[in-house]
């Protein structure tokens, strides 16, 4: 890799070179956006150095973790431009975008018009070109972020086959949990979470329909935030469900997640759901709710059944009880042992109607998406299925079938079963989660682990997961906070206050060594 001196000479004038060398004092490992911004302002760090560090980290660790599909060939050029603009502005980021010079990794279903692929982990979309950047990518670029690359994901959001393990896709293979090699990386945004956990990047974007941000963040000991559906635009994203999809940040701290959230929310005429979602965005953005006393006077509803009752006596269950004391000590009111009406039906995708709706929604929305691509090997779901059949070695068809894609192809969005499923899910939410929240006057529902993501998925409710501990085998677990639509401000206050009070997250032991001067020696 090019030395720091040669990089700096190409980027900066000699007058700035001395301060660039001083950037070696900056601690890259576990760095936050705020620490990066401070180092930028103090001329101790350049975006070029930051991107160079992450690219070296990816090159070193990615072969064992398989969580990054592609590195953006334009990343260093974008970093150079960020540094040039910072010099022109007189140093610092005060007059620039909130993420100026900060590298961000994108899930492989988020479209970009650069040389990178947007493939949902499948070879079927290799070489296809999207007509424009996804709206969230446009917002990131406007905020000055550097697009670092594309993270691996569960292929086709795990919909391809029930036999396919979480975190696997044909293009990358099996993504691995950096804490426990045999541990489940979970959810389709697994690569986005693994990369953040292993310090390949500070922040990433994931997408969620049902648990795809919350579960991988929970299992990889990072923060995950799924906003209210419509708060972030889905335009330019490979779709799964037009009524449940949401795009949100994955990071190591709540604060970093909110820096990204502020950059990507907003109305987009290409996604009508954002018209309603934009009404929830507060004047001044969401960073104002990063309050250490955010738990004070919050009313929290604890739902144990079935999320933690089965874990009685375990390290996770004992830790959860200790965290309830933390809530209370920080001024929250605890309403314990609440029950969600018909929770068993809600958690069964076949009884609730969720699977019928997802299959039909996927076929309908993905056909529309594929039809808008250029240079694509496939233009419909039927052609994706044919591609897999014709390329069994590439797509590992002997190991994992495509029964899920075939089932989706057989659906019709107008079928009475699908219409009934949507009505059923709405009723289950109104009589379950919404009734729980309103009757108990709750600010948030609190559960152990990630399984409550399904409860929050049906009607597009927001959810936060924050690291809460590690079991006896070292496997991470988190606490999930869920709220009613538009309740992001309260959830941020609660999650940030909890994170500040506990500070439980630790980096994976295998990747916990520090980086200081030796990186550039």
Protein backbone atom coordinates (compact mmCIF):
# COMPACT_ATOMS: atom_id res chain seq x y z
CA UNK A 1 0.00 0.00 0.00
CA UNK A 2 1.28 3.47 -0.80
CA UNK A 3 3.07 5.11 2.13
CA UNK A 4 1.53 7.94 4.10
CA UNK A 5 4.16 10.40 2.84
CA UNK A 6 3.53 9.69 -0.84
CA UNK A 7 -0.22 9.80 -0.31
CA UNK A 8 0.04 13.12 1.48
CA UNK A 9 2.28 14.65 -1.17
CA UNK A 10 -0.29 13.76 -3.80
CA UNK A 11 -3.08 15.19 -1.70
CA UNK A 12 -1.80 18.15 0.29
CA UNK A 13 0.62 21.03 -0.01
CA UNK A 14 3.91 20.84 1.88
CA UNK A 15 2.50 23.20 4.50
CA UNK A 16 -0.11 20.61 5.44
CA UNK A 17 2.20 17.60 5.27
CA UNK A 18 3.52 17.95 8.82
CA UNK A 19 0.02 17.89 10.29
CA UNK A 20 -0.91 14.91 8.10
CA UNK A 21 1.96 12.89 9.57
CA UNK A 22 0.66 13.73 13.03
CA UNK A 23 -2.51 11.82 12.12
CA UNK A 24 -0.66 8.63 13.05
CA UNK A 25 -1.52 9.54 16.65
CA UNK A 26 -5.20 9.10 15.86
CA UNK A 27 -6.62 5.79 17.11
CA UNK A 28 -8.35 4.20 14.15
CA UNK A 29 -9.58 1.16 16.06
CA UNK A 30 -13.18 1.64 17.32
CA UNK A 31 -13.12 5.24 16.06
CA UNK A 32 -16.46 7.07 16.05
CA UNK A 33 -17.74 9.69 13.64
CA UNK A 34 -17.33 12.37 16.31
CA UNK A 35 -13.71 11.38 16.96
CA UNK A 36 -13.03 11.44 13.23
CA UNK A 37 -14.62 14.85 12.84
CA UNK A 38 -12.58 16.20 15.74
CA UNK A 39 -9.38 14.80 14.23
CA UNK A 40 -10.28 16.38 10.88
CA UNK A 41 -10.82 19.74 12.57
CA UNK A 42 -7.48 19.49 14.39
CA UNK A 43 -5.63 18.51 11.20
CA UNK A 44 -4.63 15.19 12.78
CA UNK A 45 -6.43 13.09 10.18
CA UNK A 46 -7.36 13.14 6.52
CA UNK A 47 -10.14 11.26 4.84
CA UNK A 48 -7.52 9.66 2.60
CA UNK A 49 -5.77 8.17 5.63
CA UNK A 50 -9.06 6.97 7.05
CA UNK A 51 -10.14 5.27 3.82
CA UNK A 52 -6.66 3.82 3.35
CA UNK A 53 -6.86 2.28 6.83
CA UNK A 54 -10.26 0.70 6.20
CA UNK A 55 -9.22 -0.64 2.80
CA UNK A 56 -6.17 -2.28 4.37
CA UNK A 57 -8.38 -3.66 7.15
CA UNK A 58 -10.80 -5.12 4.58
CA UNK A 59 -7.96 -6.67 2.61
CA UNK A 60 -6.61 -8.29 5.78
CA UNK A 61 -9.80 -9.52 7.43
CA UNK A 62 -12.33 -9.99 4.65
CA UNK A 63 -10.93 -13.36 3.42
CA UNK A 64 -11.80 -14.90 6.80
CA UNK A 65 -15.08 -13.08 7.47
CA UNK A 66 -16.42 -12.72 3.89
CA UNK A 67 -18.55 -9.69 4.68
CA UNK A 68 -17.48 -7.25 1.95
CA UNK A 69 -18.33 -8.07 -1.66
CA UNK A 70 -16.70 -5.15 -3.41
CA UNK A 71 -14.55 -2.16 -2.59
CA UNK A 72 -15.46 1.04 -4.40
CA UNK A 73 -12.65 1.80 -6.89
CA UNK A 74 -13.56 5.49 -6.50
CA UNK A 75 -13.22 5.51 -2.71
CA UNK A 76 -9.75 7.05 -2.57
CA UNK A 77 -10.66 9.66 -5.19
CA UNK A 78 -13.73 10.58 -3.13
CA UNK A 79 -11.53 10.85 -0.04
CA UNK A 80 -9.10 13.11 -1.88
CA UNK A 81 -11.96 15.35 -2.94
CA UNK A 82 -13.28 15.48 0.62
CA UNK A 83 -9.85 16.54 1.85
CA UNK A 84 -9.51 19.16 -0.88
CA UNK A 85 -12.86 20.69 -0.01
CA UNK A 86 -11.96 20.70 3.68
CA UNK A 87 -8.73 22.59 2.96
CA UNK A 88 -10.65 25.10 0.83
CA UNK A 89 -13.16 25.57 3.66
CA UNK A 90 -10.36 26.40 6.06
CA UNK A 91 -10.23 23.04 7.84
CA UNK A 92 -12.80 21.13 9.85
CA UNK A 93 -16.28 20.08 8.79
CA UNK A 94 -18.28 23.00 10.16
CA UNK A 95 -19.33 24.34 6.76
CA UNK A 96 -19.49 20.95 5.08
CA UNK A 97 -21.91 18.00 5.26
CA UNK A 98 -22.36 16.15 8.54
CA UNK A 99 -20.64 13.03 7.18
CA UNK A 100 -17.98 14.86 5.18
CA UNK A 101 -15.07 12.51 4.52
CA UNK A 102 -16.61 9.66 6.55
CA UNK A 103 -16.53 6.21 4.86
CA UNK A 104 -19.85 4.36 4.69
CA UNK A 105 -20.39 0.76 3.58
CA UNK A 106 -23.61 -0.14 1.76
CA UNK A 107 -25.59 -3.35 1.71
CA UNK A 108 -25.40 -5.02 -1.71
CA UNK A 109 -29.07 -4.28 -2.40
CA UNK A 110 -28.57 -0.48 -2.35
CA UNK A 111 -28.06 0.87 -5.87
CA UNK A 112 -25.10 2.99 -6.96
CA UNK A 113 -24.25 4.29 -10.43
CA UNK A 114 -20.50 3.74 -10.03
CA UNK A 115 -18.58 0.66 -11.16
CA UNK A 116 -19.84 -1.47 -8.27
CA UNK A 117 -22.53 -4.09 -8.71
CA UNK A 118 -25.88 -4.10 -6.95
CA UNK A 119 -26.69 -7.79 -6.89
CA UNK A 120 -28.46 -8.96 -3.70
CA UNK A 121 -25.54 -11.40 -3.42
CA UNK A 122 -26.50 -13.18 -6.65
CA UNK A 123 -24.50 -13.71 -9.83
CA UNK A 124 -27.72 -13.16 -11.76
CA UNK A 125 -27.37 -9.37 -11.45
CA UNK A 126 -23.64 -9.12 -12.08
CA UNK A 127 -23.03 -6.36 -14.63
CA UNK A 128 -26.52 -4.84 -14.38
CA UNK A 129 -26.61 -1.04 -14.24
CA UNK A 130 -29.06 0.96 -12.16
CA UNK A 131 -30.54 4.13 -13.72
CA UNK A 132 -29.52 6.33 -10.77
CA UNK A 133 -28.13 6.24 -7.26
CA UNK A 134 -30.55 5.12 -4.59
CA UNK A 135 -32.04 8.13 -2.80
CA UNK A 136 -30.19 7.31 0.42
CA UNK A 137 -26.92 7.21 -1.54
CA UNK A 138 -27.70 10.62 -3.03
CA UNK A 139 -28.22 11.89 0.51
CA UNK A 140 -24.96 10.35 1.72
CA UNK A 141 -23.04 11.92 -1.14
CA UNK A 142 -24.66 15.29 -0.42
CA UNK A 143 -23.52 14.98 3.19
CA UNK A 144 -19.96 14.42 1.97
CA UNK A 145 -19.71 10.70 2.81
CA UNK A 146 -17.25 8.43 1.01
CA UNK A 147 -18.92 5.31 -0.39
CA UNK A 148 -16.46 2.62 0.70
CA UNK A 149 -17.99 -0.46 -0.90
CA UNK A 150 -20.76 -3.04 -0.86
CA UNK A 151 -21.35 -5.46 2.02
CA UNK A 152 -22.37 -9.07 1.51
CA UNK A 153 -25.87 -10.18 2.46
CA UNK A 154 -28.08 -13.23 2.64
CA UNK A 155 -28.83 -13.81 -1.04
CA UNK A 156 -32.17 -12.40 -2.15
CA UNK A 157 -32.87 -11.53 1.51
CA UNK A 158 -32.85 -15.26 2.43
CA UNK A 159 -36.00 -15.67 0.34
CA UNK A 160 -34.26 -17.89 -2.20
CA UNK A 161 -34.35 -21.01 -0.03
CA UNK A 162 -35.19 -22.08 3.51
CA UNK A 163 -32.15 -24.38 3.28
CA UNK A 164 -29.81 -21.43 2.82
CA UNK A 165 -28.09 -20.31 6.05
CA UNK A 166 -28.15 -16.71 7.24
CA UNK A 167 -25.28 -14.64 5.87
CA UNK A 168 -24.68 -16.82 2.80
CA UNK A 169 -24.70 -15.63 -0.79
CA UNK A 170 -23.26 -17.14 -3.93
CA UNK A 171 -20.89 -14.23 -4.59
CA UNK A 172 -19.23 -14.17 -1.15
CA UNK A 173 -19.93 -17.54 0.43
CA UNK A 174 -20.74 -17.77 4.13
CA UNK A 175 -20.27 -14.57 6.13
CA UNK A 176 -18.92 -15.37 9.60
CA UNK A 177 -19.69 -13.92 13.00
CA UNK A 178 -16.46 -12.26 14.25
CA UNK A 179 -17.22 -13.17 17.89
CA UNK A 180 -18.04 -16.86 17.50
CA UNK A 181 -17.00 -18.46 14.22
CA UNK A 182 -19.84 -20.97 14.37
CA UNK A 183 -22.32 -18.34 15.56
CA UNK A 184 -25.27 -17.24 13.47
CA UNK A 185 -24.48 -13.86 11.80
CA UNK A 186 -28.23 -13.55 11.24
CA UNK A 187 -30.42 -11.40 9.00
CA UNK A 188 -29.87 -10.38 5.42
CA UNK A 189 -27.83 -7.28 6.41
CA UNK A 190 -25.25 -9.59 7.98
CA UNK A 191 -22.27 -8.24 6.02
CA UNK A 192 -23.08 -4.68 7.05
CA UNK A 193 -23.06 -5.72 10.73
CA UNK A 194 -19.99 -7.98 10.58
CA UNK A 195 -17.89 -5.27 8.90
CA UNK A 196 -18.82 -2.69 11.54
CA UNK A 197 -18.19 -5.14 14.39
CA UNK A 198 -14.73 -6.03 13.03
CA UNK A 199 -13.76 -2.38 12.48
CA UNK A 200 -13.67 -2.54 8.69
CA UNK A 201 -15.81 0.59 8.74
CA UNK A 202 -17.47 2.69 11.45
CA UNK A 203 -20.93 2.86 9.90
CA UNK A 204 -22.89 0.98 7.28
CA UNK A 205 -26.37 0.89 5.80
CA UNK A 206 -28.67 -2.10 5.97
CA UNK A 207 -32.23 -2.75 4.91
CA UNK A 208 -34.94 -4.47 6.90
CA UNK A 209 -38.25 -6.09 6.14
CA UNK A 210 -38.42 -8.37 9.18
CA UNK A 211 -35.31 -8.47 11.38
CA UNK A 212 -32.70 -7.87 8.67
CA UNK A 213 -31.07 -4.97 10.56
CA UNK A 214 -32.10 -5.77 14.11
CA UNK A 215 -31.03 -9.43 14.13
CA UNK A 216 -27.52 -9.11 12.59
CA UNK A 217 -26.80 -6.07 14.77
CA UNK A 218 -27.94 -8.05 17.84
CA UNK A 219 -25.86 -11.12 16.93
CA UNK A 220 -22.70 -9.14 16.05
CA UNK A 221 -22.72 -6.77 19.06
CA UNK A 222 -23.40 -3.54 17.22
CA UNK A 223 -26.16 -0.94 17.17
CA UNK A 224 -28.90 -1.33 14.58
CA UNK A 225 -31.73 1.09 13.87
CA UNK A 226 -34.73 0.41 11.66
CA UNK A 227 -36.65 3.68 11.16
CA UNK A 228 -40.39 3.97 10.68
CA UNK A 229 -41.22 2.81 7.16
CA UNK A 230 -41.28 5.96 5.02
CA UNK A 231 -38.75 7.91 7.05
CA UNK A 232 -36.06 6.76 4.60
CA UNK A 233 -36.74 6.28 0.90
CA UNK A 234 -36.61 2.82 -0.67
CA UNK A 235 -36.14 4.22 -4.19
CA UNK A 236 -33.19 2.53 -5.87
CA UNK A 237 -33.15 -0.44 -3.49
CA UNK A 238 -33.66 -4.01 -4.65
CA UNK A 239 -37.11 -4.47 -3.07
CA UNK A 240 -38.63 -7.22 -0.98
CA UNK A 241 -41.85 -5.65 0.29
CA UNK A 242 -43.28 -2.25 -0.59
CA UNK A 243 -45.12 -2.05 2.75
CA UNK A 244 -42.43 -3.29 5.15
CA UNK A 245 -39.01 -2.32 3.71
CA UNK A 246 -36.93 0.25 5.57
CA UNK A 247 -33.31 1.45 5.29
CA UNK A 248 -31.31 2.22 8.38
CA UNK A 249 -27.84 2.53 9.92
CA UNK A 250 -25.65 -0.04 11.61
CA UNK A 251 -22.84 1.27 13.82
CA UNK A 252 -20.91 0.68 17.03
CA UNK A 253 -22.58 3.53 18.92
CA UNK A 254 -26.06 5.03 19.02
CA UNK A 255 -24.55 8.44 18.28
CA UNK A 256 -22.96 7.23 15.03
CA UNK A 257 -26.26 5.70 13.93
CA UNK A 258 -28.02 9.03 14.40
CA UNK A 259 -25.35 10.95 12.46
CA UNK A 260 -26.17 8.65 9.53
CA UNK A 261 -29.93 8.80 10.14
CA UNK A 262 -29.93 12.60 9.95
CA UNK A 263 -28.19 12.39 6.58
CA UNK A 264 -30.52 9.89 4.90
CA UNK A 265 -34.07 10.80 6.01
CA UNK A 266 -36.34 12.98 3.91
CA UNK A 267 -39.08 13.21 1.31
CA UNK A 268 -38.45 11.54 -2.03
CA UNK A 269 -41.06 11.90 -4.79
CA UNK A 270 -40.02 8.47 -6.09
CA UNK A 271 -41.24 6.81 -2.86
CA UNK A 272 -44.70 7.96 -1.86
CA UNK A 273 -44.38 6.54 1.66
CA UNK A 274 -41.84 9.26 2.44
CA UNK A 275 -44.54 11.92 2.08
CA UNK A 276 -46.08 10.70 5.34
CA UNK A 277 -42.73 9.80 6.85
CA UNK A 278 -41.36 13.31 6.34
CA UNK A 279 -43.98 14.63 8.77
CA UNK A 280 -42.19 12.81 11.58
CA UNK A 281 -38.80 14.48 11.00
CA UNK A 282 -38.20 17.09 13.71
CA UNK A 283 -36.84 20.56 13.03
CA UNK A 284 -33.16 20.41 13.83
CA UNK A 285 -32.85 16.71 13.11
CA UNK A 286 -32.36 13.78 15.43
CA UNK A 287 -28.96 14.50 17.02
CA UNK A 288 -30.67 16.77 19.55
CA UNK A 289 -32.15 13.64 21.18
CA UNK A 290 -28.76 12.16 22.06
CA UNK A 291 -29.29 12.85 25.77
CA UNK A 292 -27.53 11.02 28.60
CA UNK A 293 -30.63 11.51 30.75
CA UNK A 294 -32.89 10.16 28.01
CA UNK A 295 -34.28 7.36 30.21
CA UNK A 296 -35.63 9.83 32.73
CA UNK A 297 -39.44 9.73 32.98
CA UNK A 298 -39.70 7.16 30.17
CA UNK A 299 -42.30 4.43 30.58
CA UNK A 300 -40.93 1.09 29.39
CA UNK A 301 -43.01 -2.03 28.81
CA UNK A 302 -41.10 -5.28 29.35
CA UNK A 303 -42.28 -8.23 27.27
CA UNK A 304 -40.66 -11.49 28.35
CA UNK A 305 -42.95 -14.07 26.74
CA UNK A 306 -41.76 -15.64 24.49
CA UNK A 307 -38.57 -13.62 23.98
CA UNK A 308 -36.73 -14.31 27.25
CA UNK A 309 -38.90 -16.74 29.20
CA UNK A 310 -37.24 -19.66 27.44
CA UNK A 311 -33.82 -18.37 28.56
CA UNK A 312 -34.53 -18.39 32.31
CA UNK A 313 -31.33 -18.87 34.28
CA UNK A 314 -29.09 -18.11 31.33
CA UNK A 315 -26.42 -15.40 31.26
CA UNK A 316 -28.58 -13.40 28.85
CA UNK A 317 -31.67 -13.57 31.08
CA UNK A 318 -29.71 -12.58 34.18
CA UNK A 319 -28.11 -9.68 32.32
CA UNK A 320 -31.52 -8.57 31.10
CA UNK A 321 -32.80 -8.37 34.68
CA UNK A 322 -29.75 -6.32 35.64
CA UNK A 323 -30.45 -3.93 32.78
CA UNK A 324 -33.97 -3.38 34.10
CA UNK A 325 -32.33 -2.05 37.25
CA UNK A 326 -30.24 0.27 35.07
CA UNK A 327 -33.44 1.59 33.48
CA UNK A 328 -34.96 2.20 36.91
CA UNK A 329 -31.78 3.81 38.30
CA UNK A 330 -31.80 6.23 35.39
CA UNK A 331 -35.32 7.43 36.02
CA UNK A 332 -37.47 5.13 33.88
CA UNK A 333 -40.74 3.54 34.97
CA UNK A 334 -40.81 -0.22 34.40
CA UNK A 335 -44.04 -2.03 33.52
CA UNK A 336 -43.00 -5.69 33.64
CA UNK A 337 -44.38 -8.99 32.34
CA UNK A 338 -46.62 -7.54 29.63
CA UNK A 339 -48.14 -9.80 26.99
CA UNK A 340 -48.73 -9.18 23.29
CA UNK A 341 -52.11 -10.47 22.15
CA UNK A 342 -51.78 -13.36 19.68
CA UNK A 343 -47.97 -13.18 19.77
CA UNK A 344 -47.73 -16.84 18.77
CA UNK A 345 -49.65 -16.18 15.56
CA UNK A 346 -47.64 -13.01 14.88
CA UNK A 347 -44.35 -14.91 15.08
CA UNK A 348 -45.55 -17.64 12.70
CA UNK A 349 -45.22 -16.24 9.13
CA UNK A 350 -47.64 -18.80 7.73
CA UNK A 351 -50.38 -18.23 10.31
CA UNK A 352 -50.04 -14.43 10.31
CA UNK A 353 -50.14 -14.13 6.53
CA UNK A 354 -46.70 -12.54 6.38
CA UNK A 355 -45.18 -15.20 4.14
CA UNK A 356 -48.04 -15.05 1.62
CA UNK A 357 -47.73 -11.26 1.46
CA UNK A 358 -43.92 -11.26 1.22
CA UNK A 359 -43.84 -13.77 -1.63
CA UNK A 360 -46.40 -11.84 -3.65
CA UNK A 361 -44.88 -8.44 -2.84
CA UNK A 362 -41.42 -9.68 -3.78
CA UNK A 363 -42.50 -10.95 -7.19
CA UNK A 364 -44.43 -7.76 -7.95
CA UNK A 365 -41.79 -5.28 -6.79
CA UNK A 366 -38.69 -7.12 -8.00
CA UNK A 367 -40.13 -7.50 -11.51
CA UNK A 368 -40.67 -3.75 -11.60
CA UNK A 369 -37.13 -3.14 -10.33
CA UNK A 370 -35.47 -5.56 -12.74
CA UNK A 371 -37.36 -4.06 -15.67
CA UNK A 372 -35.71 -0.70 -14.99
CA UNK A 373 -32.13 -2.00 -15.19
CA UNK A 374 -29.82 -1.76 -18.18
CA UNK A 375 -27.25 -4.35 -19.26
CA UNK A 376 -28.89 -6.84 -16.91
CA UNK A 377 -28.63 -10.61 -17.51
CA UNK A 378 -32.15 -10.92 -16.06
CA UNK A 379 -35.26 -8.76 -16.41
CA UNK A 380 -37.77 -10.68 -14.28
CA UNK A 381 -38.01 -13.09 -11.39
CA UNK A 382 -38.69 -15.88 -13.88
CA UNK A 383 -35.37 -15.09 -15.56
CA UNK A 384 -33.57 -15.10 -12.19
CA UNK A 385 -34.91 -18.60 -11.58
CA UNK A 386 -33.80 -19.67 -15.07
CA UNK A 387 -30.35 -18.13 -14.52
CA UNK A 388 -29.87 -20.15 -11.33
CA UNK A 389 -31.00 -23.33 -13.06
CA UNK A 390 -28.59 -22.71 -15.94
CA UNK A 391 -25.67 -21.80 -13.65
CA UNK A 392 -25.80 -24.43 -10.91
CA UNK A 393 -22.09 -24.24 -10.06
CA UNK A 394 -22.05 -20.45 -9.70
CA UNK A 395 -25.18 -20.40 -7.57
CA UNK A 396 -24.41 -23.61 -5.62
CA UNK A 397 -27.73 -25.14 -6.59
CA UNK A 398 -26.76 -28.59 -5.32
CA UNK A 399 -26.24 -27.18 -1.83
CA UNK A 400 -29.18 -24.74 -1.71
CA UNK A 401 -32.31 -24.84 -3.84
CA UNK A 402 -34.50 -21.92 -4.92
CA UNK A 403 -37.88 -23.09 -3.66
CA UNK A 404 -38.59 -19.66 -2.19
CA UNK A 405 -38.10 -17.89 -5.52
CA UNK A 406 -40.25 -20.48 -7.28
CA UNK A 407 -42.99 -20.06 -4.67
CA UNK A 408 -42.89 -16.29 -5.18
CA UNK A 409 -43.12 -16.70 -8.95
CA UNK A 410 -46.36 -18.64 -8.52
CA UNK A 411 -48.10 -15.81 -6.62
CA UNK A 412 -50.28 -12.92 -7.76
CA UNK A 413 -50.40 -9.66 -5.81
CA UNK A 414 -54.17 -9.47 -6.45
CA UNK A 415 -54.96 -12.94 -5.11
CA UNK A 416 -57.60 -12.92 -2.38
CA UNK A 417 -55.21 -14.78 -0.08
CA UNK A 418 -52.70 -11.94 -0.37
CA UNK A 419 -55.32 -9.25 0.25
CA UNK A 420 -56.57 -11.17 3.31
CA UNK A 421 -52.99 -11.57 4.57
CA UNK A 422 -52.41 -7.81 4.53
CA UNK A 423 -55.66 -7.20 6.43
CA UNK A 424 -54.76 -9.96 8.91
CA UNK A 425 -51.35 -8.46 9.64
CA UNK A 426 -52.84 -5.01 10.19
CA UNK A 427 -55.40 -6.42 12.62
CA UNK A 428 -52.76 -8.41 14.50
CA UNK A 429 -50.67 -5.25 14.91
CA UNK A 430 -53.57 -3.11 16.06
CA UNK A 431 -54.79 -5.68 18.59
CA UNK A 432 -51.28 -6.68 19.62
CA UNK A 433 -48.40 -4.20 19.67
CA UNK A 434 -50.41 -0.99 19.25
CA UNK A 435 -52.89 -1.97 21.97
CA UNK A 436 -50.01 -2.89 24.29
CA UNK A 437 -48.35 0.50 23.74
CA UNK A 438 -51.47 2.63 24.04
CA UNK A 439 -53.23 0.88 26.93
CA UNK A 440 -50.07 0.95 29.03
CA UNK A 441 -49.07 4.45 27.86
CA UNK A 442 -45.61 3.21 26.93
CA UNK A 443 -42.74 5.13 25.37
CA UNK A 444 -41.12 1.87 24.23
CA UNK A 445 -41.51 -1.89 24.31
CA UNK A 446 -38.37 -3.61 25.61
CA UNK A 447 -37.38 -7.18 24.81
CA UNK A 448 -34.31 -9.39 25.05
CA UNK A 449 -32.75 -10.40 21.74
CA UNK A 450 -33.99 -9.79 18.21
CA UNK A 451 -37.12 -11.93 17.85
CA UNK A 452 -39.49 -9.03 18.57
CA UNK A 453 -38.45 -7.56 15.21
CA UNK A 454 -41.33 -9.50 13.65
CA UNK A 455 -43.83 -7.80 15.96
CA UNK A 456 -42.51 -4.45 14.74
CA UNK A 457 -42.34 -5.42 11.08
CA UNK A 458 -45.97 -5.78 10.02
CA UNK A 459 -46.95 -2.10 10.11
CA UNK A 460 -43.52 -0.57 9.75
CA UNK A 461 -42.80 0.42 13.36
CA UNK A 462 -39.30 1.67 14.32
CA UNK A 463 -36.86 -0.47 16.31
CA UNK A 464 -33.47 -0.05 17.95
CA UNK A 465 -31.09 -2.75 19.17
CA UNK A 466 -28.19 -1.95 21.50
CA UNK A 467 -25.48 -4.40 22.69
CA UNK A 468 -26.44 -5.84 26.07
CA UNK A 469 -23.88 -8.57 26.77
CA UNK A 470 -22.33 -11.91 25.79
CA UNK A 471 -23.34 -15.43 26.72
CA UNK A 472 -21.04 -18.07 28.23
CA UNK A 473 -19.74 -18.95 24.75
CA UNK A 474 -18.99 -15.32 23.90
CA UNK A 475 -21.98 -14.93 21.60
CA UNK A 476 -23.40 -11.38 21.70
CA UNK A 477 -26.97 -10.44 22.51
CA UNK A 478 -28.76 -7.11 22.54
CA UNK A 479 -31.83 -5.38 23.89
CA UNK A 480 -34.49 -4.29 21.42
CA UNK A 481 -36.50 -1.09 21.89
CA UNK A 482 -39.64 -0.74 19.75
CA UNK A 483 -42.04 2.16 19.41
CA UNK A 484 -45.07 3.41 17.53
CA UNK A 485 -44.67 5.07 14.14
CA UNK A 486 -42.74 8.30 14.28
CA UNK A 487 -41.43 7.71 17.81
CA UNK A 488 -37.78 7.90 16.76
CA UNK A 489 -37.02 10.79 19.14
CA UNK A 490 -38.07 8.81 22.22
CA UNK A 491 -36.29 5.65 21.05
CA UNK A 492 -33.07 7.60 20.45
CA UNK A 493 -33.22 9.13 23.92
CA UNK A 494 -33.81 5.71 25.49
CA UNK A 495 -31.21 3.82 23.44
CA UNK A 496 -28.53 6.49 23.81
CA UNK A 497 -29.05 6.81 27.56
CA UNK A 498 -28.92 3.03 27.97
CA UNK A 499 -25.76 2.79 25.88
CA UNK A 500 -24.06 5.55 27.84
CA UNK A 501 -25.04 3.99 31.17
CA UNK A 502 -23.81 0.50 30.29
CA UNK A 503 -21.05 0.77 27.62
CA UNK A 504 -21.11 -3.00 27.29
CA UNK A 505 -19.91 -3.46 23.73
CA UNK A 506 -16.40 -4.78 23.26
CA UNK A 507 -14.64 -5.58 19.98
CA UNK A 508 -14.21 -9.21 18.92
CA UNK A 509 -11.17 -10.66 20.72
CA UNK A 510 -9.64 -11.90 17.48
CA UNK A 511 -9.67 -8.38 16.07
CA UNK A 512 -9.16 -6.23 19.19
CA UNK A 513 -5.55 -5.15 18.68
CA UNK A 514 -4.96 -1.42 18.53
CA UNK A 515 -3.73 0.55 15.53
CA UNK A 516 -1.55 3.59 16.16
CA UNK A 517 1.74 4.63 14.58
CA UNK A 518 2.71 1.15 13.42
CA UNK A 519 0.03 1.27 10.72
CA UNK A 520 2.10 3.79 8.79
CA UNK A 521 5.57 2.54 9.66
